[in-house]
Amino acid sequence: MLKKIHDLVAKWVFPWERKPPEIEALKSLKAARDLRFLAGRDSKFKEFRRVLRICMEYIRGFQTLHYVGPCVTVFGSARIKEGLPYYELTRRIGASLARSGFAVMTGGGPGLMEAANRGAFEAGGVSVGCNIILPEEQKPNPYINRMVSFYYFFVRKVMLVKYSLAYIIMPGGFGTLDELAEAITLIQTGRLMHFPVILVGREYWEPFLRWIQNQMYKEGTVRPDEFNILSIVDTEDEIMDVIEARVWKLRLEYQENPRASA
């Protein structure tokens, strides 16, 4: 009975989740709905329906990801393709994480997300994708053995952060910067434990870090200790060293004072 109720509500709340060929038309419908959502106030009935949709997305995400085990999230560009150096590096990183017993979580799309999932998948590990339904560019990659799709970006971001104990930031664009800023802000404000936030690729990220030092430090918008949230590396071995050192430290801190670490 509960399953029938869930399926009925899901069909009403998630009308875009249907089989092809309807899915492409529904993606356009999603874009139109997003524009209406951002335009401002809607009817109370539509707002209530939106609240249900958001709640059900959270519930579905929690149900899918609750038992993934110790997890590391890898962020990065959807536009860096197979054969390029950062793709191959990300693939090796995914494999190293899987061999060390970590589930590998990504946004579930192409590019470096695919590379991380592929490395974990080929190494026999748990490969998780939190896909976002977009009109273009984002399609689930084929190297995922546990996936959940989201309509709302903010729900997806919660899932990508909530279940992981480290965040690996590969080269990427505005979306990757948004995800990087989210992780840093949660740690900075004490909403998240000081899990490792690891920038991969010194050549790519050092100009960004210099800008933070030269501009944000100078204007007083960032404190020196907040800059220490970040690590910067070039290889999968360095990543594993950072994760293992930090996770062991957090485990000891928790054992000594579980209330303060909660």
Foldseek 3Di string as FASTA:
>chain_A
DVVVVVVVLCCVLPVLPDDPPCNLVVQVVLVVVVVVVVVDDDDPVVVVSPVVSLVVLLVVLCVQQVPLPAAEEEEAAQPAAPPDPLLQQLLCLLLVCQVVPHEYEYQQFHDSLLSNLNSNQVNVGAYEHAHERHSDSGDGDPSHPGYDYDDDPVSSLCSSPVRYQEYEQEYHDPVSVVSLVVVLVCCVVVVAPLGAYEYEDCVRCVVVVVCCVVPVVVVVVDDPVSSVSYHYYHHSVVVVVRRVVVVVVLVVVCVVPVVVSD
